[in-house]
Amino acid sequence: MERSGNTRTPSGTGSVWKENNVISMLEQNSVWRSVLPMGERLLLDRGRRWTESPGNDRFAFLDKGLIRLSSLGENGSERIFLHIGAGCIFSELSCMHVAPLSTASFLAMENCEVYLFPKHLLEDRNFTLSHPELMMNLVQSLILKAGAFFGQIEESVGLSPEHLVCRYLFRLQEDASLHLRPKFSQSDLALALGLHRSTVCRILHDLRERGILGEFTRTRLEILDKEALRALCRAD
């Protein structure tokens, strides 16, 4: 797996990186393994979907596997916001957030082993005093998630679908080569940008017709005119 923008937590464990316009987190909350006996073990089969709901009374720790967080936009298109790897807490926002989160859901991308913790641990003063390193770690990971979500939202505000696609493709060609290996499909690109696949296909077709883009498959992406692509990245 290729990573970019890799950062580490102050404790020296865990990493965060951006891949295909989606933030990924790994081992951000590994210190919580020390209290796994306090949680309820749950196995999620690959393909199982977990829907967020307000007033949730439990949050989860992913011990093994991979989970994807996505949400439906107003136009009905799905957008991927986060990939959650082993050693990370998830679903904690629904314990704290009073607004409905009905469009957000988690999808098990692999067979997963999860531990569920009661919400009251986050409000228990004695637990906080006994495990200050766990609460500090949770705050740190929440800050990282907030920054990642804000960055994704800020990046897309006021931009047309064409601008979003062109800016994403332009970032891929950081080296001098015209032939790239994107390792994702046109459908993956649509999910990452929160656009309908038909919209992305139409934009890519137009870029080919204008001689800016060549072949686009999971293993090969040809950008034929970098300067023209750069010009299309500019929002009017």
Protein backbone atom coordinates (compact mmCIF):
# COMPACT_ATOMS: atom_id res chain seq x y z
CA MET A 1 0.00 0.00 0.00
CA GLU A 2 1.41 3.35 -1.07
CA ARG A 3 1.10 6.12 1.49
CA SER A 4 1.49 9.86 1.39
CA GLY A 5 1.22 12.50 4.08
CA ASN A 6 2.15 9.97 6.74
CA THR A 7 2.20 11.34 10.31
CA ARG A 8 2.66 9.82 13.75
CA THR A 9 1.01 10.50 17.06
CA PRO A 10 3.01 12.10 19.89
CA SER A 11 3.23 8.71 21.59
CA GLY A 12 5.17 7.39 18.60
CA THR A 13 2.59 4.75 17.67
CA GLY A 14 0.03 4.76 14.92
CA SER A 15 -0.04 6.48 11.57
CA VAL A 16 -2.33 8.56 9.38
CA TRP A 17 -2.00 8.91 5.62
CA LYS A 18 -4.01 9.98 2.60
CA GLU A 19 -4.49 7.56 -0.26
CA ASN A 20 -6.79 8.07 -3.26
CA ASN A 21 -8.18 11.19 -1.56
CA VAL A 22 -9.27 9.17 1.50
CA ILE A 23 -7.75 9.42 4.98
CA SER A 24 -6.55 6.14 6.49
CA MET A 25 -5.73 5.52 10.15
CA LEU A 26 -3.82 2.62 11.71
CA GLU A 27 -3.05 1.80 15.37
CA GLN A 28 -4.06 5.28 16.50
CA ASN A 29 -5.64 3.95 19.69
CA SER A 30 -3.53 0.85 20.30
CA VAL A 31 -3.16 1.72 24.01
CA TRP A 32 -6.83 0.79 24.46
CA ARG A 33 -5.89 -2.86 24.05
CA SER A 34 -4.94 -2.74 27.74
CA VAL A 35 -8.66 -2.59 28.65
CA LEU A 36 -10.11 -4.99 26.07
CA PRO A 37 -11.45 -7.28 28.86
CA MET A 38 -13.83 -4.42 29.75
CA GLY A 39 -15.36 -4.60 26.27
CA GLU A 40 -17.74 -7.02 24.55
CA ARG A 41 -16.15 -8.97 21.68
CA LEU A 42 -18.00 -8.87 18.37
CA LEU A 43 -17.08 -10.46 15.02
CA LEU A 44 -18.11 -8.66 11.82
CA ASP A 45 -18.08 -10.59 8.56
CA ARG A 46 -16.73 -8.91 5.46
CA GLY A 47 -19.50 -6.85 3.84
CA ARG A 48 -21.37 -6.24 7.11
CA ARG A 49 -22.64 -2.65 7.40
CA TRP A 50 -22.86 -0.77 10.69
CA THR A 51 -25.09 2.33 10.63
CA GLU A 52 -24.45 5.31 12.89
CA SER A 53 -27.37 6.50 15.00
CA PRO A 54 -27.75 9.38 17.50
CA GLY A 55 -27.89 8.38 21.14
CA ASN A 56 -25.69 5.34 20.62
CA ASP A 57 -24.70 3.95 24.03
CA ARG A 58 -21.54 2.11 22.90
CA PHE A 59 -18.35 2.90 21.01
CA ALA A 60 -16.06 0.40 19.33
CA PHE A 61 -12.40 -0.59 19.09
CA LEU A 62 -11.20 -2.44 15.98
CA ASP A 63 -8.66 -5.04 17.04
CA LYS A 64 -8.34 -6.77 13.64
CA GLY A 65 -9.55 -5.98 10.12
CA LEU A 66 -10.43 -2.91 8.08
CA ILE A 67 -13.53 -0.70 8.18
CA ARG A 68 -14.68 2.05 5.82
CA LEU A 69 -16.66 5.10 6.93
CA SER A 70 -18.86 6.65 4.25
CA SER A 71 -21.89 8.89 4.00
CA LEU A 72 -24.62 9.68 1.50
CA GLY A 73 -24.75 13.20 0.08
CA GLU A 74 -27.85 15.23 -0.72
CA ASN A 75 -27.76 13.97 -4.31
CA GLY A 76 -27.72 10.35 -3.16
CA SER A 77 -24.08 9.70 -4.02
CA GLU A 78 -21.84 7.92 -1.51
CA ARG A 79 -18.57 9.47 -0.37
CA ILE A 80 -15.82 7.66 1.50
CA PHE A 81 -14.43 9.72 4.38
CA LEU A 82 -12.18 7.38 6.32
CA HIS A 83 -10.51 3.98 6.28
CA ILE A 84 -10.13 2.63 9.82
CA GLY A 85 -7.42 0.05 10.38
CA ALA A 86 -6.65 -2.22 13.32
CA GLY A 87 -5.92 -0.52 16.61
CA CYS A 88 -8.41 2.32 16.11
CA ILE A 89 -11.56 3.45 17.89
CA PHE A 90 -14.66 4.21 15.85
CA SER A 91 -18.33 5.11 16.37
CA GLU A 92 -17.36 7.32 19.31
CA LEU A 93 -18.88 10.39 17.64
CA SER A 94 -22.40 8.97 17.81
CA CYS A 95 -21.95 8.68 21.59
CA MET A 96 -21.20 12.41 21.85
CA HIS A 97 -23.08 13.96 18.93
CA VAL A 98 -26.72 14.95 19.43
CA ALA A 99 -27.47 15.59 15.75
CA PRO A 100 -28.70 12.70 13.59
CA LEU A 101 -25.96 10.80 11.76
CA SER A 102 -28.31 8.55 9.83
CA THR A 103 -26.47 8.89 6.51
CA ALA A 104 -23.13 7.73 7.94
CA SER A 105 -22.28 4.04 8.03
CA PHE A 106 -19.33 1.72 8.57
CA LEU A 107 -18.61 -1.15 6.19
CA ALA A 108 -16.40 -4.11 7.09
CA MET A 109 -13.91 -4.41 4.21
CA GLU A 110 -12.42 -7.56 5.79
CA ASN A 111 -13.48 -9.97 8.51
CA CYS A 112 -13.20 -7.84 11.64
CA GLU A 113 -12.77 -8.38 15.37
CA VAL A 114 -14.35 -5.56 17.34
CA TYR A 115 -14.69 -4.75 21.05
CA LEU A 116 -17.66 -2.68 22.21
CA PHE A 117 -17.30 -0.35 25.19
CA PRO A 118 -20.15 1.30 27.12
CA LYS A 119 -20.61 5.03 26.59
CA HIS A 120 -20.45 5.71 30.32
CA LEU A 121 -16.69 5.05 30.30
CA LEU A 122 -16.27 8.40 28.55
CA GLU A 123 -18.16 10.09 31.38
CA ASP A 124 -16.69 8.12 34.27
CA ARG A 125 -14.34 10.31 36.35
CA ASN A 126 -12.79 7.31 38.09
CA PHE A 127 -12.02 5.65 34.75
CA THR A 128 -10.40 8.87 33.52
CA LEU A 129 -8.26 9.16 36.65
CA SER A 130 -7.25 5.50 36.43
CA HIS A 131 -6.47 5.60 32.70
CA PRO A 132 -5.41 9.15 31.79
CA GLU A 133 -3.27 7.90 28.91
CA LEU A 134 -6.34 6.35 27.26
CA MET A 135 -8.37 9.55 27.45
CA MET A 136 -5.45 11.64 26.18
CA ASN A 137 -5.05 9.22 23.29
CA LEU A 138 -8.77 9.43 22.45
CA VAL A 139 -8.61 13.24 22.37
CA GLN A 140 -5.57 13.11 20.07
CA SER A 141 -7.32 10.78 17.61
CA LEU A 142 -10.47 12.92 17.64
CA ILE A 143 -8.37 15.96 16.73
CA LEU A 144 -6.80 14.05 13.84
CA LYS A 145 -10.22 12.98 12.55
CA ALA A 146 -11.62 16.50 12.86
CA GLY A 147 -8.67 17.90 10.91
CA ALA A 148 -9.05 15.24 8.21
CA PHE A 149 -12.79 15.83 7.80
CA PHE A 150 -12.38 19.61 7.75
CA GLY A 151 -9.69 19.34 5.11
CA GLN A 152 -11.88 17.18 2.88
CA ILE A 153 -14.84 19.54 3.22
CA GLU A 154 -12.78 22.69 2.69
CA GLU A 155 -11.16 21.20 -0.39
CA SER A 156 -14.47 20.55 -2.15
CA VAL A 157 -16.50 23.65 -1.19
CA GLY A 158 -17.41 25.76 -4.20
CA LEU A 159 -15.74 23.48 -6.74
CA SER A 160 -17.53 21.99 -9.71
CA PRO A 161 -17.30 18.23 -10.39
CA GLU A 162 -14.87 18.95 -13.24
CA HIS A 163 -12.60 20.96 -10.95
CA LEU A 164 -12.63 18.17 -8.34
CA VAL A 165 -11.70 15.49 -10.88
CA CYS A 166 -9.02 17.60 -12.56
CA ARG A 167 -7.42 18.64 -9.27
CA TYR A 168 -7.29 15.04 -8.14
CA LEU A 169 -5.73 13.82 -11.39
CA PHE A 170 -3.22 16.65 -11.35
CA ARG A 171 -2.01 15.69 -7.87
CA LEU A 172 -1.26 12.18 -9.10
CA GLN A 173 1.34 13.34 -11.59
CA GLU A 174 3.95 14.72 -9.22
CA ASP A 175 6.80 13.10 -11.14
CA ALA A 176 7.83 13.66 -14.76
CA SER A 177 6.27 10.48 -16.08
CA LEU A 178 3.15 10.60 -18.24
CA HIS A 179 2.28 7.01 -17.31
CA LEU A 180 1.03 6.47 -13.75
CA ARG A 181 -0.25 3.46 -11.82
CA PRO A 182 -3.28 4.78 -9.93
CA LYS A 183 -4.27 1.42 -8.33
CA PHE A 184 -7.91 2.52 -8.27
CA SER A 185 -10.77 2.50 -10.74
CA GLN A 186 -13.07 5.21 -12.08
CA SER A 187 -15.72 3.94 -9.64
CA ASP A 188 -13.26 4.32 -6.75
CA LEU A 189 -12.54 7.88 -7.89
CA ALA A 190 -16.26 8.69 -7.87
CA LEU A 191 -16.64 7.33 -4.32
CA ALA A 192 -13.59 9.23 -3.07
CA LEU A 193 -14.90 12.53 -4.48
CA GLY A 194 -18.56 11.99 -3.59
CA LEU A 195 -19.68 12.11 -7.24
CA HIS A 196 -21.89 9.84 -9.31
CA ARG A 197 -19.94 7.40 -11.45
CA SER A 198 -21.75 8.67 -14.56
CA THR A 199 -20.56 12.21 -13.77
CA VAL A 200 -16.94 11.08 -13.44
CA CYS A 201 -17.16 9.02 -16.65
CA ARG A 202 -18.56 12.03 -18.53
CA ILE A 203 -15.73 14.28 -17.30
CA LEU A 204 -13.06 11.71 -18.15
CA HIS A 205 -14.57 11.21 -21.60
CA ASP A 206 -14.46 14.99 -22.18
CA LEU A 207 -10.80 15.11 -21.08
CA ARG A 208 -9.98 12.36 -23.57
CA GLU A 209 -11.82 14.17 -26.35
CA ARG A 210 -9.75 17.29 -25.63
CA GLY A 211 -6.51 15.34 -25.77
CA ILE A 212 -5.70 15.93 -22.08
CA LEU A 213 -6.20 12.39 -20.83
CA GLY A 214 -5.36 9.05 -22.39
CA GLU A 215 -5.97 5.60 -20.93
CA PHE A 216 -7.40 5.30 -17.42
CA THR A 217 -7.48 1.85 -15.81
CA ARG A 218 -6.57 0.54 -12.37
CA THR A 219 -3.02 -0.12 -13.58
CA ARG A 220 -2.46 2.68 -16.07
CA LEU A 221 -3.25 6.40 -16.22
CA GLU A 222 -2.00 8.58 -19.07
CA ILE A 223 -1.95 12.36 -18.65
CA LEU A 224 -1.12 13.71 -22.10
CA ASP A 225 -1.28 17.47 -21.48
CA LYS A 226 -0.25 18.49 -17.97
CA GLU A 227 -0.51 22.24 -18.61
CA ALA A 228 -4.04 21.99 -19.95
CA LEU A 229 -4.97 19.88 -16.92
CA ARG A 230 -3.36 22.47 -14.64
CA ALA A 231 -5.47 25.22 -16.24
CA LEU A 232 -8.66 23.24 -15.59
CA CYS A 233 -7.76 22.96 -11.90
CA ARG A 234 -8.27 26.68 -11.37
CA ALA A 235 -11.67 27.65 -9.98
CA ASP A 236 -13.14 30.76 -11.59
